[in-house]
Amino acid sequence: MTTIPTSIAPWLSVRNAAKEVDFYKTAFGAIETYRLEAPDARALAAGASEIFPVGEGHGWRLGRLADPFGLHWEIGHPLEA
């Protein structure tokens, strides 16, 4: 019998995501393959354009970008208190 590897690639949008990822690693043996630091700067450098500039206000870092294919991406996270 051949074993077929399986994987799942969830898109998490939760509070305390780092703690949640740590739980998945401990509970299920999950492997975190990629985490973006400054995704807005990386996206702009790769050719995205600003729809609403990423900025900080009202406790959030938030903005909207369009990728070269016309898809809009809202990028944001709450700022530390």
PDB file of N, CA and C in Angstrom:
ATOM      1  N   MET A   1       0.835  -1.169   0.000  1.00  0.00           N
ATOM      2  CA  MET A   1       0.000   0.000   0.000  1.00  0.00           C
ATOM      3  C   MET A   1       0.886   1.240   0.000  1.00  0.00           C
ATOM      4  N   THR A   2       0.568   2.190  -0.859  1.00  0.00           N
ATOM      5  CA  THR A   2       1.316   3.433  -0.950  1.00  0.00           C
ATOM      6  C   THR A   2       0.632   4.488  -0.093  1.00  0.00           C
ATOM      7  N   THR A   3       1.424   5.181   0.702  1.00  0.00           N
ATOM      8  CA  THR A   3       0.893   6.273   1.513  1.00  0.00           C
ATOM      9  C   THR A   3       1.065   7.572   0.749  1.00  0.00           C
ATOM     10  N   ILE A   4      -0.019   8.300   0.598  1.00  0.00           N
ATOM     11  CA  ILE A   4       0.006   9.582  -0.097  1.00  0.00           C
ATOM     12  C   ILE A   4       0.108  10.681   0.951  1.00  0.00           C
ATOM     13  N   PRO A   5       1.148  11.525   0.868  1.00  0.00           N
ATOM     14  CA  PRO A   5       1.260  12.620   1.841  1.00  0.00           C
ATOM     15  C   PRO A   5       0.086  13.582   1.691  1.00  0.00           C
ATOM     16  N   THR A   6      -0.360  14.092   2.797  1.00  0.00           N
ATOM     17  CA  THR A   6      -1.446  15.067   2.777  1.00  0.00           C
ATOM     18  C   THR A   6      -0.975  16.356   3.429  1.00  0.00           C
ATOM     19  N   SER A   7      -1.606  17.418   3.059  1.00  0.00           N
ATOM     20  CA  SER A   7      -1.286  18.704   3.669  1.00  0.00           C
ATOM     21  C   SER A   7      -2.517  19.582   3.619  1.00  0.00           C
ATOM     22  N   ILE A   8      -2.477  20.615   4.422  1.00  0.00           N
ATOM     23  CA  ILE A   8      -3.537  21.618   4.428  1.00  0.00           C
ATOM     24  C   ILE A   8      -2.854  22.972   4.553  1.00  0.00           C
ATOM     25  N   ALA A   9      -3.375  23.954   3.858  1.00  0.00           N
ATOM     26  CA  ALA A   9      -2.805  25.301   3.893  1.00  0.00           C
ATOM     27  C   ALA A   9      -3.896  26.275   4.312  1.00  0.00           C
ATOM     28  N   PRO A  10      -4.151  26.409   5.611  1.00  0.00           N
ATOM     29  CA  PRO A  10      -5.207  27.313   6.056  1.00  0.00           C
ATOM     30  C   PRO A  10      -4.794  28.770   5.936  1.00  0.00           C
ATOM     31  N   TRP A  11      -5.784  29.612   5.767  1.00  0.00           N
ATOM     32  CA  TRP A  11      -5.592  31.054   5.789  1.00  0.00           C
ATOM     33  C   TRP A  11      -6.202  31.502   7.101  1.00  0.00           C
ATOM     34  N   LEU A  12      -5.355  31.883   8.048  1.00  0.00           N
ATOM     35  CA  LEU A  12      -5.829  32.256   9.367  1.00  0.00           C
ATOM     36  C   LEU A  12      -6.042  33.752   9.472  1.00  0.00           C
ATOM     37  N   SER A  13      -7.150  34.110  10.014  1.00  0.00           N
ATOM     38  CA  SER A  13      -7.437  35.505  10.325  1.00  0.00           C
ATOM     39  C   SER A  13      -8.031  35.513  11.724  1.00  0.00           C
ATOM     40  N   VAL A  14      -7.155  35.444  12.707  1.00  0.00           N
ATOM     41  CA  VAL A  14      -7.567  35.291  14.095  1.00  0.00           C
ATOM     42  C   VAL A  14      -6.747  36.206  14.988  1.00  0.00           C
ATOM     43  N   ARG A  15      -7.281  36.463  16.159  1.00  0.00           N
ATOM     44  CA  ARG A  15      -6.500  37.181  17.170  1.00  0.00           C
ATOM     45  C   ARG A  15      -5.453  36.218  17.713  1.00  0.00           C
ATOM     46  N   ASN A  16      -4.319  36.737  18.110  1.00  0.00           N
ATOM     47  CA  ASN A  16      -3.252  35.918  18.688  1.00  0.00           C
ATOM     48  C   ASN A  16      -2.851  34.768  17.770  1.00  0.00           C
ATOM     49  N   ALA A  17      -2.697  35.065  16.496  1.00  0.00           N
ATOM     50  CA  ALA A  17      -2.396  34.031  15.507  1.00  0.00           C
ATOM     51  C   ALA A  17      -1.115  33.270  15.836  1.00  0.00           C
ATOM     52  N   ALA A  18      -0.102  33.947  16.351  1.00  0.00           N
ATOM     53  CA  ALA A  18       1.151  33.257  16.670  1.00  0.00           C
ATOM     54  C   ALA A  18       0.915  32.180  17.717  1.00  0.00           C
ATOM     55  N   LYS A  19       0.102  32.485  18.732  1.00  0.00           N
ATOM     56  CA  LYS A  19      -0.220  31.484  19.756  1.00  0.00           C
ATOM     57  C   LYS A  19      -1.039  30.355  19.149  1.00  0.00           C
ATOM     58  N   GLU A  20      -1.935  30.688  18.246  1.00  0.00           N
ATOM     59  CA  GLU A  20      -2.753  29.660  17.609  1.00  0.00           C
ATOM     60  C   GLU A  20      -1.886  28.728  16.756  1.00  0.00           C
ATOM     61  N   VAL A  21      -0.946  29.295  16.021  1.00  0.00           N
ATOM     62  CA  VAL A  21      -0.041  28.477  15.215  1.00  0.00           C
ATOM     63  C   VAL A  21       0.786  27.572  16.125  1.00  0.00           C
ATOM     64  N   ASP A  22       1.261  28.099  17.258  1.00  0.00           N
ATOM     65  CA  ASP A  22       2.004  27.262  18.204  1.00  0.00           C
ATOM     66  C   ASP A  22       1.151  26.096  18.695  1.00  0.00           C
ATOM     67  N   PHE A  23      -0.128  26.342  18.945  1.00  0.00           N
ATOM     68  CA  PHE A  23      -1.031  25.264  19.349  1.00  0.00           C
ATOM     69  C   PHE A  23      -1.111  24.192  18.268  1.00  0.00           C
ATOM     70  N   TYR A  24      -1.291  24.604  17.011  1.00  0.00           N
ATOM     71  CA  TYR A  24      -1.394  23.637  15.910  1.00  0.00           C
ATOM     72  C   TYR A  24      -0.109  22.818  15.780  1.00  0.00           C
ATOM     73  N   LYS A  25       1.034  23.468  16.005  1.00  0.00           N
ATOM     74  CA  LYS A  25       2.301  22.749  15.945  1.00  0.00           C
ATOM     75  C   LYS A  25       2.361  21.680  17.028  1.00  0.00           C
ATOM     76  N   THR A  26       1.980  22.053  18.251  1.00  0.00           N
ATOM     77  CA  THR A  26       2.024  21.125  19.370  1.00  0.00           C
ATOM     78  C   THR A  26       0.964  20.041  19.245  1.00  0.00           C
ATOM     79  N   ALA A  27      -0.267  20.445  18.946  1.00  0.00           N
ATOM     80  CA  ALA A  27      -1.386  19.509  18.941  1.00  0.00           C
ATOM     81  C   ALA A  27      -1.379  18.567  17.748  1.00  0.00           C
ATOM     82  N   PHE A  28      -1.009  19.068  16.590  1.00  0.00           N
ATOM     83  CA  PHE A  28      -1.160  18.286  15.362  1.00  0.00           C
ATOM     84  C   PHE A  28       0.141  18.036  14.616  1.00  0.00           C
ATOM     85  N   GLY A  29       1.258  18.521  15.160  1.00  0.00           N
ATOM     86  CA  GLY A  29       2.521  18.360  14.462  1.00  0.00           C
ATOM     87  C   GLY A  29       2.604  19.220  13.208  1.00  0.00           C
ATOM     88  N   ALA A  30       1.840  20.307  13.204  1.00  0.00           N
ATOM     89  CA  ALA A  30       1.823  21.199  12.036  1.00  0.00           C
ATOM     90  C   ALA A  30       3.196  21.819  11.807  1.00  0.00           C
ATOM     91  N   ILE A  31       3.473  22.158  10.577  1.00  0.00           N
ATOM     92  CA  ILE A  31       4.719  22.811  10.200  1.00  0.00           C
ATOM     93  C   ILE A  31       4.369  24.152   9.563  1.00  0.00           C
ATOM     94  N   GLU A  32       4.915  25.203  10.125  1.00  0.00           N
ATOM     95  CA  GLU A  32       4.703  26.538   9.550  1.00  0.00           C
ATOM     96  C   GLU A  32       5.732  26.728   8.457  1.00  0.00           C
ATOM     97  N   THR A  33       5.281  26.950   7.233  1.00  0.00           N
ATOM     98  CA  THR A  33       6.203  27.025   6.118  1.00  0.00           C
ATOM     99  C   THR A  33       6.574  28.453   5.742  1.00  0.00           C
ATOM    100  N   TYR A  34       5.728  29.423   6.076  1.00  0.00           N
ATOM    101  CA  TYR A  34       6.020  30.779   5.617  1.00  0.00           C
ATOM    102  C   TYR A  34       5.240  31.791   6.429  1.00  0.00           C
ATOM    103  N   ARG A  35       5.901  32.843   6.839  1.00  0.00           N
ATOM    104  CA  ARG A  35       5.242  33.964   7.511  1.00  0.00           C
ATOM    105  C   ARG A  35       5.851  35.238   6.960  1.00  0.00           C
ATOM    106  N   LEU A  36       5.030  36.110   6.450  1.00  0.00           N
ATOM    107  CA  LEU A  36       5.525  37.352   5.847  1.00  0.00           C
ATOM    108  C   LEU A  36       5.748  38.431   6.890  1.00  0.00           C
ATOM    109  N   GLU A  37       6.882  39.065   6.810  1.00  0.00           N
ATOM    110  CA  GLU A  37       7.148  40.275   7.566  1.00  0.00           C
ATOM    111  C   GLU A  37       7.006  41.438   6.583  1.00  0.00           C
ATOM    112  N   ALA A  38       6.300  42.466   6.965  1.00  0.00           N
ATOM    113  CA  ALA A  38       6.050  43.637   6.118  1.00  0.00           C
ATOM    114  C   ALA A  38       5.523  43.232   4.742  1.00  0.00           C
ATOM    115  N   PRO A  39       4.371  42.543   4.695  1.00  0.00           N
ATOM    116  CA  PRO A  39       3.869  42.074   3.398  1.00  0.00           C
ATOM    117  C   PRO A  39       3.543  43.208   2.432  1.00  0.00           C
ATOM    118  N   ASP A  40       3.176  44.378   2.955  1.00  0.00           N
ATOM    119  CA  ASP A  40       2.863  45.494   2.066  1.00  0.00           C
ATOM    120  C   ASP A  40       4.105  45.946   1.309  1.00  0.00           C
ATOM    121  N   ALA A  41       5.230  46.082   1.995  1.00  0.00           N
ATOM    122  CA  ALA A  41       6.469  46.509   1.335  1.00  0.00           C
ATOM    123  C   ALA A  41       6.917  45.477   0.307  1.00  0.00           C
ATOM    124  N   ARG A  42       6.783  44.202   0.646  1.00  0.00           N
ATOM    125  CA  ARG A  42       7.174  43.140  -0.284  1.00  0.00           C
ATOM    126  C   ARG A  42       6.277  43.151  -1.519  1.00  0.00           C
ATOM    127  N   ALA A  43       4.975  43.346  -1.308  1.00  0.00           N
ATOM    128  CA  ALA A  43       4.037  43.347  -2.433  1.00  0.00           C
ATOM    129  C   ALA A  43       4.293  44.538  -3.352  1.00  0.00           C
ATOM    130  N   LEU A  44       4.534  45.708  -2.770  1.00  0.00           N
ATOM    131  CA  LEU A  44       4.814  46.895  -3.582  1.00  0.00           C
ATOM    132  C   LEU A  44       6.098  46.708  -4.377  1.00  0.00           C
ATOM    133  N   ALA A  45       7.120  46.133  -3.750  1.00  0.00           N
ATOM    134  CA  ALA A  45       8.385  45.895  -4.450  1.00  0.00           C
ATOM    135  C   ALA A  45       8.214  44.887  -5.585  1.00  0.00           C
ATOM    136  N   ALA A  46       7.232  44.001  -5.458  1.00  0.00           N
ATOM    137  CA  ALA A  46       6.991  42.979  -6.476  1.00  0.00           C
ATOM    138  C   ALA A  46       6.075  43.456  -7.595  1.00  0.00           C
ATOM    139  N   GLY A  47       5.538  44.685  -7.482  1.00  0.00           N
ATOM    140  CA  GLY A  47       4.725  45.214  -8.569  1.00  0.00           C
ATOM    141  C   GLY A  47       3.290  45.540  -8.232  1.00  0.00           C
ATOM    142  N   ALA A  48       2.886  45.394  -6.962  1.00  0.00           N
ATOM    143  CA  ALA A  48       1.531  45.787  -6.571  1.00  0.00           C
ATOM    144  C   ALA A  48       1.423  47.308  -6.569  1.00  0.00           C
ATOM    145  N   SER A  49       0.206  47.803  -6.600  1.00  0.00           N
ATOM    146  CA  SER A  49      -0.013  49.248  -6.507  1.00  0.00           C
ATOM    147  C   SER A  49      -0.941  49.541  -5.333  1.00  0.00           C
ATOM    148  N   GLU A  50      -0.766  50.720  -4.760  1.00  0.00           N
ATOM    149  CA  GLU A  50      -1.586  51.102  -3.613  1.00  0.00           C
ATOM    150  C   GLU A  50      -2.970  51.549  -4.070  1.00  0.00           C
ATOM    151  N   ILE A  51      -3.983  51.022  -3.420  1.00  0.00           N
ATOM    152  CA  ILE A  51      -5.344  51.503  -3.598  1.00  0.00           C
ATOM    153  C   ILE A  51      -5.656  52.461  -2.458  1.00  0.00           C
ATOM    154  N   PHE A  52      -5.333  52.029  -1.252  1.00  0.00           N
ATOM    155  CA  PHE A  52      -5.425  52.856  -0.049  1.00  0.00           C
ATOM    156  C   PHE A  52      -4.115  52.644   0.684  1.00  0.00           C
ATOM    157  N   PRO A  53      -3.286  53.693   0.807  1.00  0.00           N
ATOM    158  CA  PRO A  53      -1.948  53.513   1.381  1.00  0.00           C
ATOM    159  C   PRO A  53      -1.977  52.848   2.755  1.00  0.00           C
ATOM    160  N   VAL A  54      -1.047  51.939   2.984  1.00  0.00           N
ATOM    161  CA  VAL A  54      -0.929  51.289   4.279  1.00  0.00           C
ATOM    162  C   VAL A  54      -0.425  52.315   5.280  1.00  0.00           C
ATOM    163  N   GLY A  55      -1.139  52.443   6.368  1.00  0.00           N
ATOM    164  CA  GLY A  55      -0.754  53.390   7.402  1.00  0.00           C
ATOM    165  C   GLY A  55      -1.237  52.922   8.754  1.00  0.00           C
ATOM    166  N   GLU A  56      -0.901  53.693   9.769  1.00  0.00           N
ATOM    167  CA  GLU A  56      -1.285  53.342  11.126  1.00  0.00           C
ATOM    168  C   GLU A  56      -2.242  54.384  11.670  1.00  0.00           C
ATOM    169  N   GLY A  57      -3.313  53.898  12.267  1.00  0.00           N
ATOM    170  CA  GLY A  57      -4.284  54.788  12.880  1.00  0.00           C
ATOM    171  C   GLY A  57      -5.375  53.994  13.571  1.00  0.00           C
ATOM    172  N   HIS A  58      -5.884  54.565  14.640  1.00  0.00           N
ATOM    173  CA  HIS A  58      -6.990  53.945  15.371  1.00  0.00           C
ATOM    174  C   HIS A  58      -6.655  52.528  15.832  1.00  0.00           C
ATOM    175  N   GLY A  59      -5.372  52.300  16.172  1.00  0.00           N
ATOM    176  CA  GLY A  59      -4.954  51.013  16.703  1.00  0.00           C
ATOM    177  C   GLY A  59      -4.679  49.935  15.665  1.00  0.00           C
ATOM    178  N   TRP A  60      -4.658  50.322  14.389  1.00  0.00           N
ATOM    179  CA  TRP A  60      -4.434  49.338  13.321  1.00  0.00           C
ATOM    180  C   TRP A  60      -3.367  49.804  12.348  1.00  0.00           C
ATOM    181  N   ARG A  61      -2.687  48.864  11.728  1.00  0.00           N
ATOM    182  CA  ARG A  61      -1.878  49.113  10.536  1.00  0.00           C
ATOM    183  C   ARG A  61      -2.674  48.473   9.424  1.00  0.00           C
ATOM    184  N   LEU A  62      -3.116  49.286   8.466  1.00  0.00           N
ATOM    185  CA  LEU A  62      -4.087  48.799   7.497  1.00  0.00           C
ATOM    186  C   LEU A  62      -3.938  49.526   6.170  1.00  0.00           C
ATOM    187  N   GLY A  63      -4.198  48.840   5.088  1.00  0.00           N
ATOM    188  CA  GLY A  63      -4.188  49.440   3.762  1.00  0.00           C
ATOM    189  C   GLY A  63      -4.698  48.445   2.740  1.00  0.00           C
ATOM    190  N   ARG A  64      -4.794  48.907   1.507  1.00  0.00           N
ATOM    191  CA  ARG A  64      -5.297  48.044   0.440  1.00  0.00           C
ATOM    192  C   ARG A  64      -4.378  48.186  -0.773  1.00  0.00           C
ATOM    193  N   LEU A  65      -4.034  47.032  -1.366  1.00  0.00           N
ATOM    194  CA  LEU A  65      -3.165  46.988  -2.533  1.00  0.00           C
ATOM    195  C   LEU A  65      -3.875  46.245  -3.656  1.00  0.00           C
ATOM    196  N   ALA A  66      -3.420  46.476  -4.873  1.00  0.00           N
ATOM    197  CA  ALA A  66      -3.893  45.693  -6.019  1.00  0.00           C
ATOM    198  C   ALA A  66      -2.680  44.992  -6.612  1.00  0.00           C
ATOM    199  N   ASP A  67      -2.824  43.687  -6.850  1.00  0.00           N
ATOM    200  CA  ASP A  67      -1.707  42.967  -7.468  1.00  0.00           C
ATOM    201  C   ASP A  67      -1.729  43.225  -8.976  1.00  0.00           C
ATOM    202  N   PRO A  68      -0.692  42.822  -9.694  1.00  0.00           N
ATOM    203  CA  PRO A  68      -0.627  43.094 -11.136  1.00  0.00           C
ATOM    204  C   PRO A  68      -1.758  42.460 -11.942  1.00  0.00           C
ATOM    205  N   PHE A  69      -2.529  41.564 -11.326  1.00  0.00           N
ATOM    206  CA  PHE A  69      -3.619  40.885 -12.023  1.00  0.00           C
ATOM    207  C   PHE A  69      -4.976  41.489 -11.706  1.00  0.00           C
ATOM    208  N   GLY A  70      -4.966  42.588 -10.908  1.00  0.00           N
ATOM    209  CA  GLY A  70      -6.200  43.297 -10.601  1.00  0.00           C
ATOM    210  C   GLY A  70      -6.903  42.864  -9.333  1.00  0.00           C
ATOM    211  N   LEU A  71      -6.364  41.887  -8.605  1.00  0.00           N
ATOM    212  CA  LEU A  71      -6.977  41.469  -7.349  1.00  0.00           C
ATOM    213  C   LEU A  71      -6.593  42.433  -6.237  1.00  0.00           C
ATOM    214  N   HIS A  72      -7.557  42.779  -5.404  1.00  0.00           N
ATOM    215  CA  HIS A  72      -7.301  43.687  -4.292  1.00  0.00           C
ATOM    216  C   HIS A  72      -7.016  42.880  -3.035  1.00  0.00           C
ATOM    217  N   TRP A  73      -6.049  43.368  -2.265  1.00  0.00           N
ATOM    218  CA  TRP A  73      -5.633  42.721  -1.030  1.00  0.00           C
ATOM    219  C   TRP A  73      -5.694  43.736   0.098  1.00  0.00           C
ATOM    220  N   GLU A  74      -6.450  43.440   1.131  1.00  0.00           N
ATOM    221  CA  GLU A  74      -6.448  44.278   2.320  1.00  0.00           C
ATOM    222  C   GLU A  74      -5.433  43.688   3.280  1.00  0.00           C
ATOM    223  N   ILE A  75      -4.478  44.501   3.667  1.00  0.00           N
ATOM    224  CA  ILE A  75      -3.397  44.051   4.530  1.00  0.00           C
ATOM    225  C   ILE A  75      -3.480  44.848   5.817  1.00  0.00           C
ATOM    226  N   GLY A  76      -3.554  44.143   6.936  1.00  0.00           N
ATOM    227  CA  GLY A  76      -3.616  44.870   8.199  1.00  0.00           C
ATOM    228  C   GLY A  76      -3.467  43.971   9.397  1.00  0.00           C
ATOM    229  N   HIS A  77      -3.185  44.606  10.507  1.00  0.00           N
ATOM    230  CA  HIS A  77      -3.138  43.916  11.802  1.00  0.00           C
ATOM    231  C   HIS A  77      -3.263  44.957  12.896  1.00  0.00           C
ATOM    232  N   PRO A  78      -3.809  44.532  14.034  1.00  0.00           N
ATOM    233  CA  PRO A  78      -3.902  45.471  15.147  1.00  0.00           C
ATOM    234  C   PRO A  78      -2.506  45.789  15.675  1.00  0.00           C
ATOM    235  N   LEU A  79      -2.319  47.016  16.115  1.00  0.00           N
ATOM    236  CA  LEU A  79      -1.052  47.427  16.690  1.00  0.00           C
ATOM    237  C   LEU A  79      -1.021  47.033  18.153  1.00  0.00           C
ATOM    238  N   GLU A  80       0.165  46.797  18.651  1.00  0.00           N
ATOM    239  CA  GLU A  80       0.325  46.461  20.070  1.00  0.00           C
ATOM    240  C   GLU A  80      -0.139  47.659  20.893  1.00  0.00           C
ATOM    241  N   ALA A  81      -0.789  47.380  21.995  1.00  0.00           N
ATOM    242  CA  ALA A  81      -1.293  48.451  22.879  1.00  0.00           C
ATOM    243  C   ALA A  81      -0.167  49.083  23.666  1.00  0.00           C
TER     244      ALA A  81
END
